[in-house]
Amino acid sequence: MFSRHHTQGLSAPNRFPILMTAFLAVLTLGALHPSTAQGATDPLACTGYSQPRVFLESQAWYRSLVDGIGNDYGNVHSGTCFPWKQKISGIVHFDVRYIMYDTAGKLTSVDIQIQDPGGVHLVSRLTTSHTCPAEQTCVFWISLDADTTKTSYDGRQEFRIRATVTEPDGKQGIVTNGWQAYLANGKPYQNYRSTDNFTEGRGWYTDEGYAQARLDSPVPGAFGVAPVSGIWSPHVSIKPGAGGLPVTGSYASVDSDFDADPEQMGLVLLDTASQYVGNLTLDTRRLTNGTHYLFLRADSDDSLGSANTGVIKIPFVVNN
């Protein structure tokens, strides 16, 4: 159940993690091969890749607002070590972690798209049939190789790492994102976005469009970005995306975990019953030095008694 009081989040039944497939077979489009060996990579610490990376996670939830009213189809997380603001070319390998919490449907496909000024390009795709038992947590990894040569342009382009869930009623939910990297494949140079500082998590649901939560500031956990100290005031945008319903809840916090039992609320920075575009204020001296996580959530209540939600979870480093 999704609580009407947004700081309460979702009820968390007892969960026992199930570790499913450790790594599925690598999907390589066009009979191409990865340009680097992957044996030495650490897909959580983001080490061993050809370029610096940072672990970013997007989430999509579809939960009932009141017990017995509306469908409650759980949530899906999609996270990977991403080369934020880095120059990449050719075949780029991604180890993507998927987590299913109380997910009623079947994870039917995962894919990577790149949006450039010429349109959306499918650069990797895998058909799956993963399910997760009721009130359980299932974690699995999928390896994908993105053929970045399939785009029309070099320059700053947007990666969208997506997973599609088909629900019991036939409708679909999608967890996806919008993350920026630079392509260098000898193509004409034209940026898709005007800034690197567009790091977004998106939840999509049939007939309800996108609910989106975005960091509009540099990613403090990424290579070349200084740790934060003192007062940190990142700019965020929590609002509907394409075809989206109005956002009825904007939420921002530090180190929260709504899938824990009991829920971990973390340090709440924002909790309002509408969309929000503006700066947050965090006194980092309230935190220990080291890595923490900024959690941004957009909730869009529908007329059926459920809420479509998009989430972005971003690491940041504190150094006071």
Protein backbone atom coordinates (compact mmCIF):
# COMPACT_ATOMS: atom_id res chain seq x y z
CA MET A 1 0.00 0.00 0.00
CA PHE A 2 1.14 3.49 -0.82
CA SER A 3 0.59 5.91 2.06
CA ARG A 4 -1.18 9.21 1.50
CA HIS A 5 1.36 10.80 3.85
CA HIS A 6 4.39 10.82 1.62
CA THR A 7 6.98 10.54 4.37
CA GLN A 8 5.50 7.16 5.23
CA GLY A 9 6.26 5.73 1.80
CA LEU A 10 5.15 2.16 1.19
CA SER A 11 4.31 -0.49 3.69
CA ALA A 12 7.10 -3.05 3.80
CA PRO A 13 6.05 -6.68 4.36
CA ASN A 14 8.60 -9.18 5.56
CA ARG A 15 11.00 -9.90 2.74
CA PHE A 16 13.65 -12.55 2.24
CA PRO A 17 16.08 -11.76 -0.57
CA ILE A 18 16.33 -14.24 -3.38
CA LEU A 19 19.48 -14.09 -5.43
CA MET A 20 18.52 -15.10 -8.92
CA THR A 21 20.76 -15.38 -11.97
CA ALA A 22 24.20 -13.99 -11.21
CA PHE A 23 24.88 -12.97 -14.78
CA LEU A 24 22.86 -13.70 -17.88
CA ALA A 25 24.47 -14.20 -21.25
CA VAL A 26 25.85 -11.07 -22.83
CA LEU A 27 23.70 -9.68 -25.59
CA THR A 28 25.71 -8.34 -28.52
CA LEU A 29 23.84 -6.75 -31.40
CA GLY A 30 25.15 -7.06 -34.94
CA ALA A 31 27.67 -9.81 -34.04
CA LEU A 32 29.97 -7.22 -32.51
CA HIS A 33 32.23 -7.89 -29.55
CA PRO A 34 33.09 -5.87 -26.43
CA SER A 35 36.19 -3.74 -26.89
CA THR A 36 37.50 -4.46 -23.38
CA ALA A 37 37.84 -7.52 -21.19
CA GLN A 38 35.27 -7.57 -18.41
CA GLY A 39 36.85 -10.09 -16.05
CA ALA A 40 38.35 -7.50 -13.74
CA THR A 41 35.29 -5.28 -13.38
CA ASP A 42 33.43 -4.71 -10.12
CA PRO A 43 29.85 -3.77 -11.08
CA LEU A 44 29.08 -2.21 -7.68
CA ALA A 45 32.35 -0.41 -6.94
CA CYS A 46 32.50 0.64 -10.62
CA THR A 47 36.14 -0.35 -11.02
CA GLY A 48 37.81 -2.12 -13.93
CA TYR A 49 35.90 -0.38 -16.72
CA SER A 50 37.59 1.47 -19.58
CA GLN A 51 36.39 4.83 -18.28
CA PRO A 52 35.44 6.26 -14.87
CA ARG A 53 31.90 5.36 -13.84
CA VAL A 54 29.41 6.03 -11.06
CA PHE A 55 26.61 3.71 -9.88
CA LEU A 56 23.24 5.32 -10.68
CA GLU A 57 19.84 3.77 -10.02
CA SER A 58 16.35 4.51 -11.31
CA GLN A 59 13.15 2.99 -9.92
CA ALA A 60 9.54 2.63 -11.08
CA TRP A 61 6.73 1.91 -8.62
CA TYR A 62 3.05 1.20 -9.13
CA ARG A 63 1.39 0.92 -5.73
CA SER A 64 -2.12 1.13 -4.29
CA LEU A 65 -2.99 4.24 -2.31
CA VAL A 66 -5.39 2.48 0.08
CA ASP A 67 -5.61 -1.22 0.98
CA GLY A 68 -8.17 -2.95 -1.21
CA ILE A 69 -8.43 -0.05 -3.68
CA GLY A 70 -6.26 0.14 -6.75
CA ASN A 71 -3.67 -2.29 -8.04
CA ASP A 72 -0.48 -2.86 -6.09
CA TYR A 73 2.17 -4.10 -8.48
CA GLY A 74 5.31 -3.34 -6.50
CA ASN A 75 8.44 -1.72 -7.86
CA VAL A 76 11.47 -2.43 -10.02
CA HIS A 77 14.96 -0.95 -9.67
CA SER A 78 17.51 -0.64 -12.47
CA GLY A 79 21.08 0.34 -11.57
CA THR A 80 24.44 0.29 -13.31
CA CYS A 81 27.91 1.80 -13.32
CA PHE A 82 27.44 4.62 -15.80
CA PRO A 83 30.16 6.67 -17.56
CA TRP A 84 28.59 10.02 -16.65
CA LYS A 85 30.07 12.85 -18.72
CA GLN A 86 32.72 10.51 -20.14
CA LYS A 87 33.80 10.03 -23.77
CA ILE A 88 32.91 6.59 -25.10
CA SER A 89 32.85 4.84 -28.47
CA GLY A 90 32.14 1.53 -30.16
CA ILE A 91 30.75 -1.26 -27.99
CA VAL A 92 30.23 -0.19 -24.38
CA HIS A 93 29.60 -2.87 -21.76
CA PHE A 94 27.05 -2.42 -18.97
CA ASP A 95 26.39 -4.72 -16.00
CA VAL A 96 22.87 -3.82 -14.94
CA ARG A 97 21.41 -4.79 -11.56
CA TYR A 98 17.66 -5.33 -11.45
CA ILE A 99 15.75 -5.59 -8.18
CA MET A 100 12.11 -6.61 -8.01
CA TYR A 101 10.15 -5.80 -4.82
CA ASP A 102 6.67 -7.31 -4.47
CA THR A 103 6.47 -7.20 -8.27
CA ALA A 104 3.28 -8.84 -9.47
CA GLY A 105 4.18 -8.93 -13.15
CA LYS A 106 6.86 -10.44 -15.37
CA LEU A 107 10.02 -8.64 -16.46
CA THR A 108 9.73 -9.23 -20.20
CA SER A 109 12.56 -7.20 -21.72
CA VAL A 110 15.54 -4.98 -20.98
CA ASP A 111 17.13 -2.62 -23.45
CA ILE A 112 19.38 0.38 -23.92
CA GLN A 113 18.37 3.32 -26.07
CA ILE A 114 20.40 6.38 -27.00
CA GLN A 115 18.61 9.61 -27.83
CA ASP A 116 20.49 11.99 -30.10
CA PRO A 117 19.28 14.89 -32.27
CA GLY A 118 18.41 12.37 -34.99
CA GLY A 119 16.01 10.37 -32.81
CA VAL A 120 15.97 7.34 -30.52
CA HIS A 121 18.32 4.47 -31.36
CA LEU A 122 17.98 0.95 -29.92
CA VAL A 123 21.55 -0.15 -29.20
CA SER A 124 21.00 -3.29 -27.08
CA ARG A 125 18.04 -5.49 -26.19
CA LEU A 126 17.34 -8.76 -24.39
CA THR A 127 14.05 -10.63 -23.94
CA THR A 128 13.57 -12.05 -20.43
CA SER A 129 10.87 -13.82 -18.41
CA HIS A 130 11.77 -13.04 -14.80
CA THR A 131 9.20 -13.12 -12.03
CA CYS A 132 9.47 -12.70 -8.27
CA PRO A 133 7.34 -14.45 -5.61
CA ALA A 134 4.84 -12.33 -3.70
CA GLU A 135 6.29 -10.32 -0.81
CA GLN A 136 9.81 -11.26 -1.81
CA THR A 137 12.88 -9.39 -3.01
CA CYS A 138 14.64 -10.71 -6.11
CA VAL A 139 18.02 -9.45 -7.29
CA PHE A 140 19.65 -10.37 -10.58
CA TRP A 141 22.21 -8.98 -13.01
CA ILE A 142 22.06 -8.69 -16.78
CA SER A 143 25.05 -7.86 -18.98
CA LEU A 144 24.36 -5.73 -22.05
CA ASP A 145 26.67 -4.43 -24.75
CA ALA A 146 25.56 -1.12 -26.25
CA ASP A 147 26.60 -0.48 -29.85
CA THR A 148 27.07 3.29 -29.75
CA THR A 149 27.88 3.37 -33.48
CA LYS A 150 24.16 2.98 -34.22
CA THR A 151 23.52 6.67 -33.44
CA SER A 152 23.57 9.48 -35.98
CA TYR A 153 25.70 11.96 -34.04
CA ASP A 154 28.69 12.24 -31.75
CA GLY A 155 28.63 14.55 -28.76
CA ARG A 156 26.58 14.64 -25.56
CA GLN A 157 23.79 12.11 -25.97
CA GLU A 158 21.25 10.61 -23.57
CA PHE A 159 21.32 6.96 -22.52
CA ARG A 160 18.08 5.29 -21.48
CA ILE A 161 18.53 1.93 -19.77
CA ARG A 162 15.05 0.42 -19.64
CA ALA A 163 13.20 -2.58 -18.25
CA THR A 164 9.62 -3.47 -19.15
CA VAL A 165 7.26 -5.33 -16.81
CA THR A 166 3.99 -6.84 -18.06
CA GLU A 167 1.43 -6.78 -15.25
CA PRO A 168 -1.27 -9.40 -14.51
CA ASP A 169 -3.93 -7.20 -16.17
CA GLY A 170 -1.89 -6.89 -19.37
CA LYS A 171 -0.76 -3.33 -18.78
CA GLN A 172 2.92 -2.46 -18.74
CA GLY A 173 5.27 -0.56 -16.47
CA ILE A 174 8.71 0.69 -17.50
CA VAL A 175 11.64 1.76 -15.36
CA THR A 176 13.97 3.99 -17.34
CA ASN A 177 16.22 7.01 -17.07
CA GLY A 178 17.99 9.87 -18.85
CA TRP A 179 21.78 9.98 -18.29
CA GLN A 180 24.38 11.87 -20.30
CA ALA A 181 27.63 10.70 -21.90
CA TYR A 182 29.74 11.78 -24.90
CA LEU A 183 29.99 9.67 -28.05
CA ALA A 184 33.09 9.72 -30.27
CA ASN A 185 32.52 7.47 -33.28
CA GLY A 186 33.59 9.75 -36.11
CA LYS A 187 30.02 10.99 -36.67
CA PRO A 188 28.90 14.63 -37.06
CA TYR A 189 29.05 16.40 -33.69
CA GLN A 190 25.76 17.67 -32.27
CA ASN A 191 24.64 17.54 -28.64
CA TYR A 192 21.18 16.30 -27.65
CA ARG A 193 21.04 18.12 -24.31
CA SER A 194 22.44 21.56 -23.56
CA THR A 195 23.98 20.41 -20.27
CA ASP A 196 25.56 17.41 -18.57
CA ASN A 197 23.51 18.18 -15.47
CA PHE A 198 20.42 16.22 -16.43
CA THR A 199 20.37 12.96 -14.44
CA GLU A 200 16.84 11.59 -14.29
CA GLY A 201 14.89 8.55 -13.12
CA ARG A 202 11.57 7.76 -14.78
CA GLY A 203 8.60 5.52 -14.11
CA TRP A 204 6.12 4.89 -16.93
CA TYR A 205 2.79 3.07 -16.81
CA THR A 206 0.16 2.30 -19.46
CA ASP A 207 -2.19 5.27 -20.02
CA GLU A 208 -0.41 7.27 -17.30
CA GLY A 209 2.81 8.39 -18.98
CA TYR A 210 5.96 9.31 -17.09
CA ALA A 211 6.62 10.39 -13.51
CA GLN A 212 10.14 11.83 -13.36
CA ALA A 213 12.66 12.89 -10.71
CA ARG A 214 15.86 14.63 -11.77
CA LEU A 215 19.09 16.09 -10.43
CA ASP A 216 19.96 19.27 -12.36
CA SER A 217 23.37 19.67 -10.71
CA PRO A 218 26.66 17.78 -11.19
CA VAL A 219 26.73 14.23 -9.79
CA PRO A 220 28.96 14.57 -6.69
CA GLY A 221 29.94 10.89 -6.73
CA ALA A 222 31.18 11.03 -10.31
CA PHE A 223 34.76 11.29 -11.56
CA GLY A 224 36.08 14.84 -11.59
CA VAL A 225 33.29 16.24 -9.39
CA ALA A 226 34.43 17.55 -6.02
CA PRO A 227 32.91 16.10 -2.83
CA VAL A 228 30.34 18.27 -1.10
CA SER A 229 30.85 20.05 2.20
CA GLY A 230 29.04 22.57 4.36
CA ILE A 231 25.70 23.56 2.85
CA TRP A 232 24.93 21.72 -0.38
CA SER A 233 22.05 23.10 -2.48
CA PRO A 234 21.48 20.85 -5.50
CA HIS A 235 18.82 21.85 -8.02
CA VAL A 236 16.14 19.23 -8.68
CA SER A 237 13.10 18.81 -10.92
CA ILE A 238 10.28 16.53 -9.76
CA LYS A 239 7.43 16.71 -12.25
CA PRO A 240 5.49 14.83 -14.94
CA GLY A 241 7.19 13.65 -18.10
CA ALA A 242 5.70 13.00 -21.53
CA GLY A 243 2.02 12.14 -21.22
CA GLY A 244 2.32 12.09 -17.44
CA LEU A 245 -0.38 12.70 -14.86
CA PRO A 246 0.10 15.65 -12.47
CA VAL A 247 2.66 14.98 -9.77
CA THR A 248 0.82 14.73 -6.45
CA GLY A 249 3.86 14.13 -4.28
CA SER A 250 7.48 15.29 -4.42
CA TYR A 251 9.91 13.74 -1.99
CA ALA A 252 13.65 14.11 -1.41
CA SER A 253 15.77 12.51 1.28
CA VAL A 254 19.23 11.23 2.13
CA ASP A 255 20.01 7.55 2.81
CA SER A 256 16.39 6.37 2.85
CA ASP A 257 15.31 2.82 1.99
CA PHE A 258 11.58 2.26 1.55
CA ASP A 259 12.10 -1.42 0.79
CA ALA A 260 13.71 -2.16 4.15
CA ASP A 261 11.68 -3.66 6.99
CA PRO A 262 11.15 -1.41 8.82
CA GLU A 263 11.39 1.43 6.32
CA GLN A 264 14.41 3.68 6.65
CA MET A 265 13.21 7.26 6.25
CA GLY A 266 16.68 8.79 6.23
CA LEU A 267 17.06 12.56 6.42
CA VAL A 268 14.01 14.16 4.77
CA LEU A 269 14.76 17.27 2.68
CA LEU A 270 11.45 17.72 0.85
CA ASP A 271 7.92 16.37 1.24
CA THR A 272 5.18 18.22 -0.62
CA ALA A 273 1.89 17.28 -2.29
CA SER A 274 2.72 18.78 -5.69
CA GLN A 275 5.49 18.93 -8.24
CA TYR A 276 8.70 20.72 -7.26
CA VAL A 277 11.39 22.50 -9.25
CA GLY A 278 14.05 24.27 -7.23
CA ASN A 279 16.95 23.88 -4.87
CA LEU A 280 17.21 21.58 -1.88
CA THR A 281 19.20 22.57 1.19
CA LEU A 282 21.35 19.99 2.95
CA ASP A 283 23.74 20.75 5.80
CA THR A 284 26.28 18.02 5.08
CA ARG A 285 27.81 18.54 8.54
CA ARG A 286 24.87 16.48 9.84
CA LEU A 287 26.29 13.50 7.93
CA THR A 288 29.43 11.45 8.33
CA ASN A 289 32.20 11.89 5.80
CA GLY A 290 32.03 9.40 2.95
CA THR A 291 29.39 8.20 0.50
CA HIS A 292 25.69 8.92 0.96
CA TYR A 293 22.69 8.71 -1.37
CA LEU A 294 20.28 11.38 -2.57
CA PHE A 295 16.81 9.92 -3.15
CA LEU A 296 14.34 11.86 -5.35
CA ARG A 297 10.78 10.62 -5.91
CA ALA A 298 7.85 11.76 -8.05
CA ASP A 299 4.39 10.32 -7.24
CA SER A 300 1.45 10.64 -9.62
CA ASP A 301 -1.86 9.46 -8.17
CA ASP A 302 -4.33 8.10 -10.74
CA SER A 303 -8.12 7.82 -10.70
CA LEU A 304 -7.97 4.05 -10.12
CA GLY A 305 -6.60 4.20 -6.58
CA SER A 306 -2.93 3.68 -7.42
CA ALA A 307 0.17 5.83 -7.89
CA ASN A 308 2.74 5.77 -10.67
CA THR A 309 6.15 6.71 -9.30
CA GLY A 310 9.56 7.54 -10.74
CA VAL A 311 12.72 7.60 -8.61
CA ILE A 312 16.39 8.48 -9.02
CA LYS A 313 19.01 7.45 -6.47
CA ILE A 314 22.37 9.20 -6.77
CA PRO A 315 25.54 8.81 -4.67
CA PHE A 316 27.36 11.83 -3.31
CA VAL A 317 30.54 12.12 -1.29
CA VAL A 318 30.76 14.27 1.85
CA ASN A 319 34.11 15.69 2.92
CA ASN A 320 33.91 18.18 5.79
